[in-house]
Protein backbone atom coordinates (compact mmCIF):
# COMPACT_ATOMS: atom_id res chain seq x y z
CA MET A 1 -0.07 -0.04 0.06
CA SER A 2 1.42 3.57 -0.92
CA ILE A 3 1.72 6.07 1.75
CA SER A 4 2.21 8.96 -0.49
CA ASN A 5 -1.17 10.31 1.07
CA THR A 6 0.36 10.39 4.49
CA ALA A 7 3.17 12.88 3.58
CA LEU A 8 3.65 15.27 6.34
CA THR A 9 3.44 19.06 5.67
CA ILE A 10 5.78 21.53 7.22
CA GLU A 11 3.14 22.38 9.77
CA ASP A 12 2.52 18.82 10.66
CA ARG A 13 6.39 18.30 11.24
CA LYS A 14 6.38 21.46 13.48
CA LEU A 15 3.40 20.30 15.48
CA LEU A 16 5.01 16.96 16.00
CA PHE A 17 8.30 18.32 17.25
CA THR A 18 6.64 20.72 19.63
CA ASN A 19 4.62 17.89 21.01
CA LEU A 20 7.82 15.96 21.32
CA LEU A 21 9.52 18.52 23.34
CA ARG A 22 6.45 18.89 25.67
CA ALA A 23 6.30 15.15 26.37
CA ASP A 24 10.01 15.13 26.88
CA GLU A 25 9.63 18.04 29.61
CA TYR A 26 6.73 16.11 31.41
CA ASP A 27 8.67 12.82 31.42
CA ARG A 28 11.91 14.47 32.75
CA THR A 29 9.85 16.15 35.59
CA MET A 30 7.94 13.00 36.39
CA TYR A 31 11.14 11.36 37.00
CA LYS A 32 12.55 14.02 39.12
CA ARG A 33 9.38 14.23 41.29
CA MET A 34 9.28 10.37 41.71
CA MET A 35 12.92 10.33 42.84
CA SER A 36 12.31 13.14 45.32
CA GLY A 37 9.29 11.31 46.82
CA LYS A 38 6.56 13.46 45.51
CA LEU A 39 4.55 10.93 43.38
CA LEU A 40 2.36 8.13 44.59
CA GLY A 41 2.54 4.63 43.36
CA PHE A 42 4.68 4.03 40.33
CA TYR A 43 6.51 5.79 37.44
CA HIS A 44 7.61 4.10 34.22
CA PRO A 45 10.08 6.34 32.76
CA GLY A 46 9.76 7.19 28.92
CA GLU A 47 13.09 8.49 28.10
CA GLY A 48 13.85 6.92 24.70
CA ALA A 49 10.44 5.86 23.85
CA ILE A 50 8.18 8.92 23.55
CA ALA A 51 8.26 9.28 19.84
CA PRO A 52 5.61 6.39 19.08
CA GLY A 53 2.95 8.03 21.42
CA ILE A 54 3.40 11.46 19.63
CA GLY A 55 3.13 9.73 16.32
CA ALA A 56 0.27 7.53 17.29
CA ALA A 57 -2.05 10.43 18.58
CA THR A 58 -1.24 13.73 17.10
CA PHE A 59 -3.46 13.23 14.04
CA LEU A 60 -6.44 11.30 15.57
CA ASN A 61 -9.88 12.92 15.51
CA GLN A 62 -11.36 13.95 18.68
CA ASP A 63 -14.09 11.15 18.44
CA ASP A 64 -11.33 8.46 17.73
CA VAL A 65 -10.79 6.08 20.72
CA LEU A 66 -7.17 6.04 22.23
CA SER A 67 -5.81 3.38 24.66
CA PRO A 68 -2.39 4.83 25.46
CA HIS A 69 0.80 2.74 26.21
CA HIS A 70 1.94 2.58 29.88
CA ARG A 71 5.53 3.87 29.10
CA ALA A 72 5.54 7.41 30.66
CA HIS A 73 2.24 6.60 31.70
CA GLY A 74 0.53 7.59 28.50
CA MET A 75 1.35 11.08 28.67
CA ALA A 76 2.75 11.58 25.23
CA HIS A 77 -0.13 9.92 23.67
CA ALA A 78 -2.69 11.91 25.87
CA LEU A 79 -1.12 15.39 25.31
CA ALA A 80 -0.86 14.63 21.51
CA LYS A 81 -4.58 14.05 21.58
CA GLY A 82 -5.16 17.38 23.33
CA VAL A 83 -5.74 16.32 26.97
CA ASP A 84 -5.06 18.93 29.67
CA LEU A 85 -2.55 17.00 31.79
CA LYS A 86 -3.18 19.06 34.96
CA PRO A 87 -5.73 16.65 36.29
CA TYR A 88 -3.49 13.62 35.39
CA LEU A 89 -0.55 15.19 37.19
CA ALA A 90 -2.95 15.73 40.23
CA GLU A 91 -3.89 12.05 40.09
CA HIS A 92 -0.17 11.10 40.48
CA THR A 93 -0.22 12.93 43.79
CA GLY A 94 -3.57 11.42 45.15
CA LYS A 95 -5.31 14.77 44.90
CA ALA A 96 -9.05 15.21 44.59
CA GLY A 97 -8.66 17.28 41.64
CA GLY A 98 -7.09 14.33 39.69
CA CYS A 99 -8.70 12.67 36.64
CA SER A 100 -9.94 9.91 38.93
CA GLU A 101 -10.24 12.14 41.99
CA GLY A 102 -6.95 10.76 43.48
CA ARG A 103 -7.99 7.08 43.66
CA SER A 104 -5.74 5.43 41.25
CA SER A 105 -2.18 6.81 41.28
CA PHE A 106 -1.69 6.80 37.53
CA HIS A 107 -4.70 5.14 35.92
CA MET A 108 -6.17 7.73 33.43
CA SER A 109 -9.59 8.40 32.10
CA PHE A 110 -10.64 11.14 29.94
CA PRO A 111 -13.91 10.27 28.43
CA GLU A 112 -14.42 13.72 26.61
CA HIS A 113 -11.34 12.69 24.55
CA LYS A 114 -12.44 8.93 24.20
CA ILE A 115 -9.69 7.73 26.47
CA TYR A 116 -11.11 5.03 28.74
CA MET A 117 -8.53 2.47 29.14
CA PHE A 118 -5.69 2.34 31.39
CA SER A 119 -4.80 -0.54 33.86
CA GLY A 120 -2.05 -2.21 35.58
CA PHE A 121 -2.71 -5.54 33.77
CA ILE A 122 -0.48 -6.20 30.85
CA GLY A 123 -2.54 -6.55 27.72
CA PHE A 124 -5.85 -5.77 29.26
CA ASN A 125 -6.77 -3.43 26.62
CA PHE A 126 -7.02 -5.82 23.95
CA ALA A 127 -10.50 -6.97 24.80
CA PRO A 128 -12.07 -3.63 25.20
CA ALA A 129 -10.55 -2.21 22.12
CA VAL A 130 -12.42 -4.92 20.16
CA GLY A 131 -15.62 -3.73 21.80
CA TYR A 132 -14.99 -0.22 21.13
CA GLY A 133 -13.95 -1.03 17.47
CA TYR A 134 -17.23 -2.89 16.93
CA ALA A 135 -19.16 -0.05 18.36
CA ALA A 136 -17.34 2.34 15.90
CA LYS A 137 -18.20 0.04 12.92
CA LEU A 138 -21.82 -0.05 13.94
CA SER A 139 -22.07 3.71 14.37
CA GLY A 140 -20.78 4.20 10.83
CA LYS A 141 -19.14 7.54 11.68
CA GLY A 142 -15.72 6.81 10.60
CA GLN A 143 -14.18 6.49 14.14
CA VAL A 144 -11.20 4.33 14.68
CA VAL A 145 -9.53 2.73 17.76
CA MET A 146 -5.77 3.50 18.33
CA MET A 147 -4.69 0.52 20.68
CA CYS A 148 -1.27 1.18 22.06
CA SER A 149 0.73 -1.72 23.75
CA GLY A 150 4.31 -2.89 24.47
CA ASP A 151 5.99 -6.08 23.06
CA GLY A 152 5.37 -7.99 26.36
CA SER A 153 1.72 -7.73 26.01
CA TYR A 154 1.57 -9.86 22.88
CA GLY A 155 2.34 -12.78 24.71
CA GLN A 156 -1.26 -12.79 26.23
CA GLY A 157 -3.85 -14.84 24.83
CA ARG A 158 -6.46 -11.90 24.58
CA ALA A 159 -4.05 -10.22 21.98
CA HIS A 160 -4.64 -13.05 19.59
CA GLU A 161 -8.46 -13.26 20.27
CA ALA A 162 -8.47 -9.59 19.62
CA MET A 163 -6.58 -9.65 16.20
CA LEU A 164 -8.55 -12.57 15.23
CA MET A 165 -11.82 -10.96 15.73
CA ALA A 166 -10.77 -7.48 14.55
CA GLN A 167 -9.69 -8.95 11.24
CA ASN A 168 -12.54 -11.21 10.74
CA MET A 169 -15.13 -8.56 11.37
CA LYS A 170 -13.09 -5.79 9.74
CA LEU A 171 -13.08 -3.53 12.66
CA PRO A 172 -11.27 -0.13 12.63
CA ILE A 173 -8.63 -0.86 15.19
CA ILE A 174 -4.86 -0.05 14.80
CA PHE A 175 -2.59 -2.45 16.94
CA TRP A 176 0.24 -0.07 17.81
CA CYS A 177 2.96 -2.16 19.22
CA GLU A 178 5.75 -0.09 20.95
CA ASN A 179 8.37 -2.71 20.89
CA ASN A 180 11.45 -1.63 23.13
CA GLY A 181 12.72 -5.18 23.21
CA LEU A 182 12.24 -5.67 26.96
CA ALA A 183 9.34 -6.84 28.97
CA ILE A 184 10.56 -5.50 32.53
CA HIS A 185 13.65 -7.98 32.46
CA ALA A 186 12.93 -10.44 29.75
CA GLU A 187 14.01 -9.72 26.22
CA ALA A 188 11.46 -10.03 23.55
CA SER A 189 13.67 -12.52 21.71
CA GLU A 190 13.11 -14.88 24.60
CA MET A 191 9.18 -14.63 24.23
CA HIS A 192 8.79 -14.46 20.66
CA PRO A 193 10.15 -16.80 18.00
CA MET A 194 10.43 -14.18 15.12
CA PRO A 195 12.39 -10.99 15.24
CA ASP A 196 9.31 -8.75 14.37
CA ILE A 197 6.42 -9.11 16.52
CA SER A 198 4.31 -7.73 13.65
CA SER A 199 4.84 -11.19 12.02
CA LEU A 200 1.98 -12.17 14.33
CA ALA A 201 -0.33 -10.18 11.78
CA ASP A 202 0.65 -12.44 9.03
CA GLY A 203 -1.36 -15.26 10.69
CA TYR A 204 -4.43 -13.29 10.51
CA GLY A 205 -3.98 -11.81 6.99
CA MET A 206 -3.60 -8.32 8.51
CA PRO A 207 -1.60 -5.73 6.67
CA LYS A 208 1.38 -4.56 8.96
CA ARG A 209 4.11 -1.91 8.95
CA ILE A 210 7.41 -1.73 10.78
CA VAL A 211 8.60 1.75 11.54
CA ASP A 212 11.68 3.35 13.27
CA GLY A 213 10.22 4.26 16.79
CA GLN A 214 12.89 6.67 17.51
CA ASP A 215 11.62 8.85 14.59
CA VAL A 216 8.72 10.74 15.42
CA PHE A 217 7.97 11.70 11.86
CA ALA A 218 8.14 8.17 10.69
CA CYS A 219 5.75 7.09 13.45
CA ALA A 220 3.23 9.85 12.45
CA GLU A 221 3.25 8.77 8.73
CA ALA A 222 2.75 5.13 9.63
CA ALA A 223 0.04 6.30 12.00
CA ARG A 224 -1.94 8.28 9.31
CA GLU A 225 -1.60 5.41 6.87
CA ALA A 226 -3.24 2.86 9.43
CA ILE A 227 -5.80 5.56 10.43
CA ASP A 228 -6.88 6.25 6.81
CA HIS A 229 -6.92 2.35 6.32
CA ALA A 230 -9.22 1.74 9.24
CA ARG A 231 -11.28 4.94 8.56
CA GLU A 232 -11.98 3.70 5.17
CA GLY A 233 -13.41 0.31 6.34
CA LYS A 234 -10.67 -1.73 5.36
CA GLY A 235 -10.28 -3.30 8.71
CA PRO A 236 -7.40 -3.39 11.36
CA MET A 237 -3.60 -2.69 10.65
CA PHE A 238 -0.69 -3.61 12.66
CA VAL A 239 2.03 -1.16 13.26
CA GLU A 240 5.31 -2.15 15.09
CA CYS A 241 7.49 0.78 16.44
CA LYS A 242 11.07 -0.39 17.04
CA THR A 243 11.84 1.78 20.17
CA LEU A 244 14.26 1.94 22.81
CA ARG A 245 14.01 2.11 26.72
CA LEU A 246 16.82 4.16 28.27
CA LYS A 247 16.07 3.80 31.86
CA GLU A 248 14.71 1.13 34.25
CA HIS A 249 11.41 -0.40 33.52
CA ASP A 250 9.90 1.52 36.52
CA ILE A 251 11.57 3.58 39.03
CA GLY A 252 12.83 1.32 42.01
CA THR A 253 12.94 -1.75 39.81
CA PRO A 254 16.55 -2.88 38.92
CA ASP A 255 17.49 -2.29 35.49
CA LEU A 256 18.42 -5.80 34.43
CA ILE A 257 18.38 -8.20 31.22
CA GLY A 258 17.45 -11.60 32.82
CA SER A 259 19.58 -11.40 36.09
CA THR A 260 22.30 -9.26 34.53
CA PRO A 261 22.49 -5.51 34.75
CA ARG A 262 22.21 -3.66 31.66
CA SER A 263 25.32 -2.35 30.21
CA LYS A 264 26.08 1.48 30.82
CA GLU A 265 27.90 1.39 27.54
CA ASP A 266 25.09 -0.08 25.59
CA ILE A 267 22.69 2.55 27.05
CA LEU A 268 25.09 5.29 26.21
CA LYS A 269 25.31 4.07 22.58
CA GLN A 270 21.53 3.71 22.30
CA ALA A 271 21.12 7.23 23.64
CA GLU A 272 22.46 8.45 20.41
CA ARG A 273 19.27 7.81 18.94
CA GLU A 274 17.28 9.41 21.39
CA PRO A 275 14.09 10.74 19.72
CA VAL A 276 14.26 14.49 20.49
CA LYS A 277 17.82 14.48 19.47
CA LEU A 278 17.09 12.85 16.16
CA ALA A 279 14.25 14.96 15.54
CA MET A 280 16.27 18.33 16.35
CA GLN A 281 18.77 17.21 13.92
CA LYS A 282 16.07 16.82 11.16
CA VAL A 283 14.23 20.02 11.85
CA LEU A 284 17.41 22.25 11.85
CA ALA A 285 18.78 20.39 8.65
CA ASP A 286 15.24 21.12 6.95
CA GLY A 287 15.23 24.79 8.16
CA LEU A 288 11.91 24.36 10.07
CA PHE A 289 13.33 25.84 13.24
CA THR A 290 16.43 27.73 14.13
CA MET A 291 18.29 26.74 17.59
CA ASP A 292 16.90 29.84 19.12
CA GLU A 293 13.24 28.89 18.26
CA ILE A 294 13.99 25.41 19.61
CA ASP A 295 15.30 26.87 22.82
CA ASP A 296 12.08 29.11 22.95
CA LEU A 297 10.02 26.10 22.42
CA ARG A 298 11.74 24.09 25.04
CA THR A 299 11.30 27.09 27.59
CA ALA A 300 7.60 27.28 26.83
CA ALA A 301 7.29 23.52 27.29
CA ARG A 302 8.99 23.76 30.66
CA ALA A 303 6.74 26.72 31.82
CA GLU A 304 3.66 24.57 30.67
CA VAL A 305 4.83 21.57 32.90
CA GLU A 306 5.83 23.87 35.91
CA ALA A 307 2.28 25.66 35.74
CA ALA A 308 0.49 22.26 35.42
CA TRP A 309 2.41 20.89 38.57
CA ASP A 310 1.71 24.28 40.54
CA TRP A 311 -2.11 23.64 39.70
CA ALA A 312 -1.75 20.02 40.75
CA ASP A 313 0.05 20.58 43.95
CA ALA A 314 -2.65 23.14 44.95
CA GLN A 315 -5.45 20.75 44.74
CA PRO A 316 -6.84 19.40 47.99
CA PHE A 317 -6.62 15.63 49.08
CA PRO A 318 -9.85 13.70 49.14
CA GLU A 319 -11.99 13.89 52.30
CA ASP A 320 -11.33 11.09 54.73
CA GLY A 321 -14.12 8.58 55.81
CA GLU A 322 -16.17 5.69 54.85
CA ALA A 323 -18.62 7.84 52.55
CA GLU A 324 -15.71 9.14 50.36
CA LEU A 325 -14.24 5.71 50.02
CA MET A 326 -17.72 4.28 48.82
CA THR A 327 -18.26 7.03 46.08
CA HIS A 328 -18.15 5.45 42.76
CA VAL A 329 -18.19 1.73 43.98
CA PHE A 330 -20.81 -0.13 42.09
CA ALA A 331 -22.19 -2.06 44.93
CA PRO A 332 -20.79 -0.82 48.40
CA ASN A 333 -22.89 -3.33 50.41
CA ALA A 334 -25.27 -6.19 50.17
CA GLU A 335 -28.38 -4.23 50.04
CA ASP A 336 -27.16 -2.15 47.07
CA ALA A 337 -26.00 -5.40 45.30
CA ALA A 338 -29.16 -6.88 45.67
């Protein structure tokens, strides 16, 4: 399939680069806050792996359903779709102003942006993505479902059930695999017999693409092709973004491959392909921005993040007591359950 219709304009590329800088600033600040004890729960750093999320979501329509990947807690995906991240940051500090009213630590829900799915269970989102894909097909409004997941999740049985149903029913779902080659400590090569996880799509007759997940522009072009394919009623597509993870799986977990610490030399070598660095080289070479303009964009992104955290920090904590704990619980007692 030709991707000539997915060529990025100058304005598209500027938007992608700006979103990439914003996501990078959020991720760096989240890491610092977690290390200083200012976050609740976990944080899964995104350094090295934020380009796929920007590429996946920047050109989605507002009524398209998005299921973000857990890397960097889906912030690259969410901000690229236009989400105001202030309530999400407040959620990370357990505040009542959080998107889940401080109950979840980092599980997001932004129904107004068609983001419903985030969970601690690996690969949980395959099943609901099929449901949303079926609903989108029935509605006939041209919606698509962008279902983002890592390489480790494709060892789950529900992944194969989802791909089978999506292809059989020609559902408008993009299976967006962000393959950093590691599922916590286990290498993808230990869990998959083929070097490309997208080879799974072959068994379902599903079209696939493999892209450089360090290149935000390549990710965006692949996303556009897959979105157009799904929106036109041609069924699902599998996109595998070959990306990197430059820090530990989550802060506090040893950074290992199997039982062996990851080589610092290897990580430094991989860091040469950090997505902001690569994108900056391209936009400078193509004359999209000057270095001074990039510095201004970085300053604006940093100010955005600081203002968002000031808002989150100013939010109150939820009220104590049983009544608050039972709010939003489907059946808090036997009488209600009956």
